[in-house]
Amino acid sequence: MNTDPCLVGFFPESLMEACQQEFRRETQERNLVVHLWFRSYFSWRWAALCLLGLAVGACVAHPTGSQRFEYFRIQMGTRVQIILYADSEELARQAATAAFERIQNLDEILTDYNPESELMRLCREASRRPVPVSGDLLSVLDRSLGVSRITDGAFDVTVGPLVALWREARRTKRLPERRLLAAARARVGYKNVLLDRETGSIKLRISGMKLDVGGIAKGYAADQALAVLKGHGILRALVAAGGDIAVSGAPPGKVGWTIAVQSPAVAPGEKMALILHDCGVSTSGDTEQFVEIRGARYSHIVDPKTGRGVRHSATVTVIAPDDTSADALATALSVLPPKQGLKVAESQPGVAALIVARNGDQLRSYVSRRMQSYMSRH
């Protein structure tokens, strides 16, 4: 029997289809409008990680007083979806509204697109003196530095100068100039971020550093939204922000939330489905956000050490005890060589990973022992 609180089971495709058919029948009878498939408004990652049958309770009758509600907004540059079970519509609406407000507040703090966000103000000021920051920014940077240490810098929030160059490269279809890459790399390095937990402040050792928390922010926001829902007494919920998904307790009558992972390693038309609760899952890769220059394919994910867009990684799916960890690790494992990435995943408690690496036109899958063992039992 699987006792892992996060990894509950592998959902057979035939049973998934049966549930979907039953779900469609029930929703037609109840005149409900339910979205079984979602696609990101701006983010490619929604194409990599799809949600199938999120209202899995439709396969069985719901207990009295446990109703399913679904809400979405465009936030953090993507479609944010909240699905929850509550005793009343009023409670569900209040809880979802509070969760969305929490995400909006975090976006205002963490975005690098607004020069007046707390993150961007920190970048301008922290090279001169330690800057006190909010609890959220301190937490995100603290968690980021932790992942940087365990991945030997494969995840690095100081990568901002390089990200800016590759955003321009995707727009112009031209590789960044070597001198610009060298200048950007000189301002990258997580060890140049000095975090003081006692004073709640951040100091940047090098002038011109730019922090980019895009590889962890959505996972953190999903976790925080889930915490808000729990604070309102909602114990069965799913929050999806692009390719980052945080789940709490399972839907009524079910052992977990059914999540289908769409991967280049899976045959066309087929999907790998997971049943999860009380954890986070994130997919990262170059399925849509990439650029081809002079016959070479470069991901939007940048290797902090080389300064270049990653070329070997197709997709990485990570399951972790929380979505903050899953998000950051999915980014890091996209940068690391696959075997090294597996070692990192296997060294972390409760983490499972599926890495699909690209070698020219060929794809090869690497599965961590936890994920492999989990899949083999079902």
Protein backbone atom coordinates (compact mmCIF):
# COMPACT_ATOMS: atom_id res chain seq x y z
CA MET A 1 0.00 0.00 0.00
CA ASN A 2 1.25 3.50 -0.85
CA THR A 3 1.50 5.54 2.34
CA ASP A 4 3.16 8.60 0.84
CA PRO A 5 0.93 11.60 1.68
CA CYS A 6 1.63 13.15 -1.69
CA LEU A 7 1.89 10.35 -4.24
CA VAL A 8 -1.32 8.37 -4.05
CA GLY A 9 -1.67 6.49 -7.27
CA PHE A 10 -1.22 6.19 -11.00
CA PHE A 11 -4.50 6.75 -12.82
CA PRO A 12 -5.04 4.35 -15.76
CA GLU A 13 -5.98 6.06 -19.02
CA SER A 14 -9.05 3.85 -19.49
CA LEU A 15 -10.41 4.75 -16.06
CA MET A 16 -9.66 8.42 -16.69
CA GLU A 17 -11.71 8.32 -19.89
CA ALA A 18 -14.57 6.58 -18.10
CA CYS A 19 -14.58 9.29 -15.44
CA GLN A 20 -14.51 11.99 -18.07
CA GLN A 21 -17.52 10.46 -19.86
CA GLU A 22 -19.41 10.18 -16.59
CA PHE A 23 -18.43 13.72 -15.71
CA ARG A 24 -19.72 15.07 -19.03
CA ARG A 25 -23.02 13.23 -18.53
CA GLU A 26 -23.49 14.58 -15.01
CA THR A 27 -22.59 18.13 -15.92
CA GLN A 28 -25.06 18.09 -18.80
CA GLU A 29 -27.77 16.88 -16.45
CA ARG A 30 -26.98 19.61 -13.93
CA ASN A 31 -26.49 22.32 -16.60
CA LEU A 32 -23.06 23.07 -15.23
CA VAL A 33 -20.32 24.75 -17.20
CA VAL A 34 -17.05 23.08 -16.30
CA HIS A 35 -13.64 23.51 -17.90
CA LEU A 36 -11.81 20.20 -18.11
CA TRP A 37 -8.95 21.58 -20.15
CA PHE A 38 -7.19 24.82 -19.48
CA ARG A 39 -4.54 26.65 -21.44
CA SER A 40 -2.35 29.43 -20.17
CA TYR A 41 -3.28 32.94 -21.29
CA PHE A 42 0.38 33.91 -21.60
CA SER A 43 2.45 31.02 -20.26
CA TRP A 44 3.62 28.05 -22.35
CA ARG A 45 3.68 25.83 -19.31
CA TRP A 46 -0.05 25.30 -19.32
CA ALA A 47 0.45 23.29 -22.48
CA ALA A 48 2.97 21.07 -20.71
CA LEU A 49 0.91 20.35 -17.61
CA CYS A 50 -2.80 19.84 -18.19
CA LEU A 51 -5.50 19.14 -15.66
CA LEU A 52 -7.83 16.29 -16.49
CA GLY A 53 -11.01 15.58 -14.58
CA LEU A 54 -10.25 18.00 -11.77
CA ALA A 55 -13.81 17.55 -10.59
CA VAL A 56 -13.04 13.92 -9.96
CA GLY A 57 -15.88 13.85 -7.45
CA ALA A 58 -18.15 13.74 -10.49
CA CYS A 59 -17.36 10.04 -10.72
CA VAL A 60 -19.15 9.49 -7.41
CA ALA A 61 -21.90 11.28 -5.53
CA HIS A 62 -20.74 14.14 -3.32
CA PRO A 63 -21.44 13.92 0.39
CA THR A 64 -24.15 16.26 1.65
CA GLY A 65 -22.84 19.78 2.27
CA SER A 66 -19.74 19.41 0.12
CA GLN A 67 -20.10 21.38 -3.08
CA ARG A 68 -17.54 21.98 -5.82
CA PHE A 69 -16.74 25.53 -6.95
CA GLU A 70 -14.37 26.79 -9.61
CA TYR A 71 -12.92 30.26 -10.21
CA PHE A 72 -10.22 31.77 -12.38
CA ARG A 73 -8.44 35.07 -12.98
CA ILE A 74 -5.55 36.24 -15.12
CA GLN A 75 -2.72 36.93 -12.67
CA MET A 76 1.07 36.78 -12.74
CA GLY A 77 0.94 36.65 -16.53
CA THR A 78 -1.03 33.43 -16.64
CA ARG A 79 -4.42 31.89 -15.91
CA VAL A 80 -4.81 31.13 -12.22
CA GLN A 81 -7.42 28.49 -11.44
CA ILE A 82 -8.92 27.70 -8.05
CA ILE A 83 -11.08 24.64 -7.52
CA LEU A 84 -12.42 24.01 -4.05
CA TYR A 85 -15.05 22.20 -2.05
CA ALA A 86 -17.12 24.16 0.45
CA ASP A 87 -20.40 24.00 2.33
CA SER A 88 -21.82 27.11 0.69
CA GLU A 89 -21.37 29.37 -2.30
CA GLU A 90 -20.84 32.37 -0.02
CA LEU A 91 -17.97 30.70 1.82
CA ALA A 92 -16.41 29.50 -1.45
CA ARG A 93 -16.60 32.96 -3.01
CA GLN A 94 -15.14 34.70 0.03
CA ALA A 95 -12.29 32.21 0.29
CA ALA A 96 -11.47 32.32 -3.42
CA THR A 97 -11.57 36.13 -3.47
CA ALA A 98 -9.15 36.27 -0.55
CA ALA A 99 -6.84 33.77 -2.26
CA PHE A 100 -6.80 35.77 -5.49
CA GLU A 101 -6.09 38.95 -3.52
CA ARG A 102 -3.14 37.21 -1.89
CA ILE A 103 -1.76 36.25 -5.31
CA GLN A 104 -2.22 39.79 -6.60
CA ASN A 105 -0.33 41.17 -3.60
CA LEU A 106 2.52 38.75 -4.22
CA ASP A 107 2.67 39.67 -7.90
CA GLU A 108 3.04 43.33 -6.97
CA ILE A 109 5.95 42.40 -4.71
CA LEU A 110 7.75 39.87 -6.92
CA THR A 111 7.32 40.96 -10.53
CA ASP A 112 10.32 42.17 -12.51
CA TYR A 113 8.11 43.80 -15.13
CA ASN A 114 7.15 46.69 -12.82
CA PRO A 115 10.13 48.92 -11.97
CA GLU A 116 8.36 49.99 -8.77
CA SER A 117 7.81 46.48 -7.39
CA GLU A 118 9.52 45.71 -4.11
CA LEU A 119 11.85 43.30 -5.89
CA MET A 120 13.02 45.90 -8.41
CA ARG A 121 13.45 48.58 -5.74
CA LEU A 122 15.60 46.11 -3.84
CA CYS A 123 17.79 45.59 -6.90
CA ARG A 124 18.37 49.32 -7.21
CA GLU A 125 19.16 49.97 -3.55
CA ALA A 126 20.67 46.83 -2.01
CA SER A 127 24.15 47.19 -3.54
CA ARG A 128 24.66 50.32 -1.42
CA ARG A 129 23.25 49.12 1.90
CA PRO A 130 21.26 46.29 3.49
CA VAL A 131 17.58 46.81 2.64
CA PRO A 132 14.78 45.63 4.95
CA VAL A 133 12.23 43.64 2.94
CA SER A 134 8.76 42.25 3.46
CA GLY A 135 8.27 38.81 4.93
CA ASP A 136 7.18 37.41 1.58
CA LEU A 137 10.19 38.69 -0.34
CA LEU A 138 12.49 37.48 2.43
CA SER A 139 10.86 34.03 2.35
CA VAL A 140 11.06 33.73 -1.44
CA LEU A 141 14.72 34.73 -1.49
CA ASP A 142 15.53 32.49 1.47
CA ARG A 143 13.92 29.50 -0.23
CA SER A 144 15.63 30.42 -3.50
CA LEU A 145 19.07 30.50 -1.92
CA GLY A 146 18.39 27.14 -0.33
CA VAL A 147 17.62 25.58 -3.71
CA SER A 148 20.68 27.30 -5.17
CA ARG A 149 22.87 25.60 -2.58
CA ILE A 150 21.50 22.09 -3.12
CA THR A 151 21.69 22.46 -6.93
CA ASP A 152 25.16 24.07 -6.99
CA GLY A 153 23.76 27.23 -8.52
CA ALA A 154 21.66 25.64 -11.26
CA PHE A 155 18.80 27.61 -9.75
CA ASP A 156 19.87 31.21 -9.24
CA VAL A 157 17.61 34.24 -8.77
CA THR A 158 20.46 36.59 -9.70
CA VAL A 159 20.15 35.41 -13.31
CA GLY A 160 18.13 38.51 -14.22
CA PRO A 161 20.79 40.19 -16.43
CA LEU A 162 21.09 37.03 -18.52
CA VAL A 163 17.33 36.54 -18.75
CA ALA A 164 17.00 40.05 -20.15
CA LEU A 165 19.52 39.25 -22.91
CA TRP A 166 17.74 36.05 -23.90
CA ARG A 167 14.34 37.73 -23.94
CA GLU A 168 15.82 40.06 -26.52
CA ALA A 169 17.37 37.11 -28.37
CA ARG A 170 13.97 35.43 -28.70
CA ARG A 171 12.56 38.67 -30.06
CA THR A 172 15.33 39.38 -32.58
CA LYS A 173 16.32 35.78 -33.38
CA ARG A 174 19.94 36.74 -32.72
CA LEU A 175 22.35 35.35 -30.15
CA PRO A 176 23.46 37.80 -27.46
CA GLU A 177 26.84 39.36 -28.16
CA ARG A 178 29.72 37.75 -26.29
CA ARG A 179 30.73 40.99 -24.60
CA LEU A 180 27.18 41.51 -23.36
CA LEU A 181 27.02 37.93 -22.08
CA ALA A 182 30.33 38.39 -20.27
CA ALA A 183 29.15 41.63 -18.67
CA ALA A 184 25.87 40.02 -17.58
CA ARG A 185 27.58 36.93 -16.18
CA ALA A 186 29.80 39.17 -14.03
CA ARG A 187 26.65 40.30 -12.22
CA VAL A 188 25.29 36.78 -11.64
CA GLY A 189 25.96 34.58 -8.61
CA TYR A 190 23.67 33.63 -5.72
CA LYS A 191 26.57 33.86 -3.25
CA ASN A 192 26.50 37.61 -3.82
CA VAL A 193 23.10 37.81 -2.11
CA LEU A 194 23.50 38.35 1.62
CA LEU A 195 20.32 37.52 3.52
CA ASP A 196 20.02 38.39 7.20
CA ARG A 197 17.07 36.62 8.83
CA GLU A 198 17.48 38.48 12.13
CA THR A 199 17.15 41.93 10.57
CA GLY A 200 14.98 40.79 7.66
CA SER A 201 17.27 42.53 5.20
CA ILE A 202 19.04 41.83 1.91
CA LYS A 203 22.42 43.12 0.70
CA LEU A 204 23.70 42.66 -2.85
CA ARG A 205 27.49 42.57 -3.15
CA ILE A 206 27.67 43.75 -6.76
CA SER A 207 26.20 46.87 -8.31
CA GLY A 208 23.86 46.25 -11.24
CA MET A 209 22.58 42.86 -10.05
CA LYS A 210 19.03 42.04 -11.08
CA LEU A 211 16.99 39.42 -9.29
CA ASP A 212 14.48 37.30 -11.21
CA VAL A 213 12.22 35.04 -9.14
CA GLY A 214 10.24 33.77 -12.13
CA GLY A 215 11.40 30.21 -11.42
CA ILE A 216 9.81 30.11 -7.96
CA ALA A 217 7.22 32.89 -7.66
CA LYS A 218 4.19 31.07 -9.09
CA GLY A 219 4.84 28.01 -6.94
CA TYR A 220 5.11 30.22 -3.85
CA ALA A 221 1.94 32.08 -4.82
CA ALA A 222 0.02 28.81 -5.28
CA ASP A 223 1.14 27.63 -1.84
CA GLN A 224 0.15 30.93 -0.25
CA ALA A 225 -3.25 30.90 -1.93
CA LEU A 226 -3.80 27.37 -0.66
CA ALA A 227 -2.90 28.58 2.85
CA VAL A 228 -5.48 31.36 2.58
CA LEU A 229 -8.12 28.84 1.58
CA LYS A 230 -7.24 26.69 4.59
CA GLY A 231 -7.56 29.77 6.78
CA HIS A 232 -11.16 30.03 5.58
CA GLY A 233 -11.81 26.41 6.47
CA ILE A 234 -11.39 25.08 2.91
CA LEU A 235 -9.49 21.81 3.27
CA ARG A 236 -10.07 20.35 -0.21
CA ALA A 237 -8.68 22.61 -2.89
CA LEU A 238 -6.45 22.98 -5.93
CA VAL A 239 -4.64 26.13 -7.02
CA ALA A 240 -3.04 26.17 -10.46
CA ALA A 241 -0.90 29.05 -11.69
CA GLY A 242 0.33 28.17 -15.15
CA GLY A 243 2.30 24.94 -14.86
CA ASP A 244 2.49 25.14 -11.05
CA ILE A 245 -0.15 23.30 -9.08
CA ALA A 246 -0.67 23.11 -5.31
CA VAL A 247 -3.26 20.74 -3.85
CA SER A 248 -4.57 20.13 -0.35
CA GLY A 249 -7.03 17.42 0.69
CA ALA A 250 -8.59 15.12 -1.90
CA PRO A 251 -12.05 15.79 -3.37
CA PRO A 252 -14.93 14.06 -1.55
CA GLY A 253 -14.94 10.31 -2.09
CA LYS A 254 -11.54 10.35 -3.79
CA VAL A 255 -7.97 9.63 -2.72
CA GLY A 256 -6.50 12.57 -4.62
CA TRP A 257 -6.70 15.10 -7.41
CA THR A 258 -6.24 13.67 -10.90
CA ILE A 259 -3.53 15.52 -12.80
CA ALA A 260 -2.44 14.52 -16.29
CA VAL A 261 1.11 15.27 -17.34
CA GLN A 262 1.59 15.87 -21.04
CA SER A 263 5.19 15.12 -21.96
CA PRO A 264 7.23 14.71 -25.16
CA ALA A 265 8.24 11.32 -23.79
CA VAL A 266 4.65 10.06 -23.94
CA ALA A 267 3.24 8.87 -27.23
CA PRO A 268 0.97 11.35 -29.06
CA GLY A 269 -2.56 11.21 -27.71
CA GLU A 270 -1.48 9.53 -24.49
CA LYS A 271 -1.01 11.08 -21.06
CA MET A 272 0.57 10.14 -17.78
CA ALA A 273 -1.89 10.80 -14.98
CA LEU A 274 -1.07 11.25 -11.31
CA ILE A 275 -3.37 11.26 -8.31
CA LEU A 276 -2.04 13.67 -5.70
CA HIS A 277 -2.97 15.38 -2.46
CA ASP A 278 -1.23 17.72 -0.03
CA CYS A 279 1.70 18.56 -2.27
CA GLY A 280 2.85 20.54 -5.29
CA VAL A 281 3.68 19.60 -8.87
CA SER A 282 5.43 21.70 -11.49
CA THR A 283 6.48 21.23 -15.10
CA SER A 284 9.19 23.28 -16.79
CA GLY A 285 10.80 23.08 -20.21
CA ASP A 286 11.06 24.42 -23.75
CA THR A 287 7.87 23.02 -25.26
CA GLU A 288 6.82 26.44 -26.51
CA GLN A 289 9.17 29.11 -25.17
CA PHE A 290 12.34 28.66 -27.18
CA VAL A 291 14.21 30.22 -30.03
CA GLU A 292 16.04 28.60 -32.96
CA ILE A 293 19.15 30.46 -34.09
CA ARG A 294 21.56 29.13 -36.73
CA GLY A 295 19.96 25.69 -36.49
CA ALA A 296 20.31 25.45 -32.71
CA ARG A 297 17.38 25.41 -30.29
CA TYR A 298 17.67 27.45 -27.07
CA SER A 299 15.21 27.30 -24.19
CA HIS A 300 13.92 30.38 -22.38
CA ILE A 301 15.51 28.83 -19.28
CA VAL A 302 19.03 30.17 -18.87
CA ASP A 303 22.00 28.32 -17.38
CA PRO A 304 23.42 30.76 -14.80
CA LYS A 305 26.94 29.40 -15.24
CA THR A 306 27.25 29.42 -19.03
CA GLY A 307 24.93 32.36 -19.58
CA ARG A 308 23.23 30.55 -22.45
CA GLY A 309 19.73 29.23 -22.98
CA VAL A 310 19.47 25.55 -22.08
CA ARG A 311 19.64 23.21 -25.07
CA HIS A 312 19.35 19.68 -23.66
CA SER A 313 16.14 19.79 -21.62
CA ALA A 314 12.70 19.21 -23.17
CA THR A 315 10.51 19.00 -20.05
CA VAL A 316 10.95 18.36 -16.35
CA THR A 317 8.10 17.43 -14.02
CA VAL A 318 8.72 17.58 -10.28
CA ILE A 319 6.45 16.57 -7.42
CA ALA A 320 7.40 17.89 -3.98
CA PRO A 321 5.84 18.40 -0.54
CA ASP A 322 5.02 22.00 -1.54
CA ASP A 323 4.74 23.84 -4.83
CA THR A 324 7.45 26.36 -3.97
CA SER A 325 9.97 23.53 -3.93
CA ALA A 326 8.48 21.85 -7.00
CA ASP A 327 8.66 25.07 -9.02
CA ALA A 328 12.26 25.89 -8.15
CA LEU A 329 13.48 22.32 -8.54
CA ALA A 330 11.79 21.94 -11.94
CA THR A 331 13.75 24.97 -13.12
CA ALA A 332 17.01 23.70 -11.63
CA LEU A 333 16.62 20.20 -13.08
CA SER A 334 16.02 21.76 -16.50
CA VAL A 335 19.51 23.27 -16.26
CA LEU A 336 21.42 20.36 -14.73
CA PRO A 337 22.57 17.36 -16.78
CA PRO A 338 19.82 14.72 -16.42
CA LYS A 339 21.77 12.25 -14.26
CA GLN A 340 22.91 15.01 -11.93
CA GLY A 341 19.35 16.29 -11.78
CA LEU A 342 18.13 12.84 -10.72
CA LYS A 343 20.68 12.79 -7.90
CA VAL A 344 19.39 16.12 -6.65
CA ALA A 345 15.77 14.92 -6.78
CA GLU A 346 16.58 11.70 -4.97
CA SER A 347 18.47 13.59 -2.25
CA GLN A 348 15.41 15.63 -1.28
CA PRO A 349 12.68 14.16 0.96
CA GLY A 350 9.36 13.65 -0.79
CA VAL A 351 10.61 14.73 -4.22
CA ALA A 352 9.95 12.78 -7.42
CA ALA A 353 11.09 13.80 -10.88
CA LEU A 354 10.60 12.93 -14.54
CA ILE A 355 13.23 14.48 -16.82
CA VAL A 356 12.92 14.37 -20.59
CA ALA A 357 16.23 15.31 -22.21
CA ARG A 358 16.78 16.36 -25.78
CA ASN A 359 19.69 15.10 -27.88
CA GLY A 360 19.21 16.49 -31.35
CA ASP A 361 15.90 15.08 -32.56
CA GLN A 362 15.96 12.28 -29.99
CA LEU A 363 14.30 12.34 -26.56
CA ARG A 364 15.29 10.27 -23.55
CA SER A 365 13.46 9.96 -20.26
CA TYR A 366 15.09 9.88 -16.83
CA VAL A 367 12.88 8.89 -13.90
CA SER A 368 13.86 9.26 -10.26
CA ARG A 369 13.60 6.19 -8.05
CA ARG A 370 10.68 7.64 -6.13
CA MET A 371 8.74 8.38 -9.30
CA GLN A 372 9.72 5.06 -10.87
CA SER A 373 8.75 3.10 -7.79
CA TYR A 374 5.50 5.00 -7.54
CA MET A 375 4.60 4.36 -11.17
CA SER A 376 5.53 0.68 -11.02
CA ARG A 377 3.04 0.04 -8.22
CA HIS A 378 0.07 1.09 -10.34
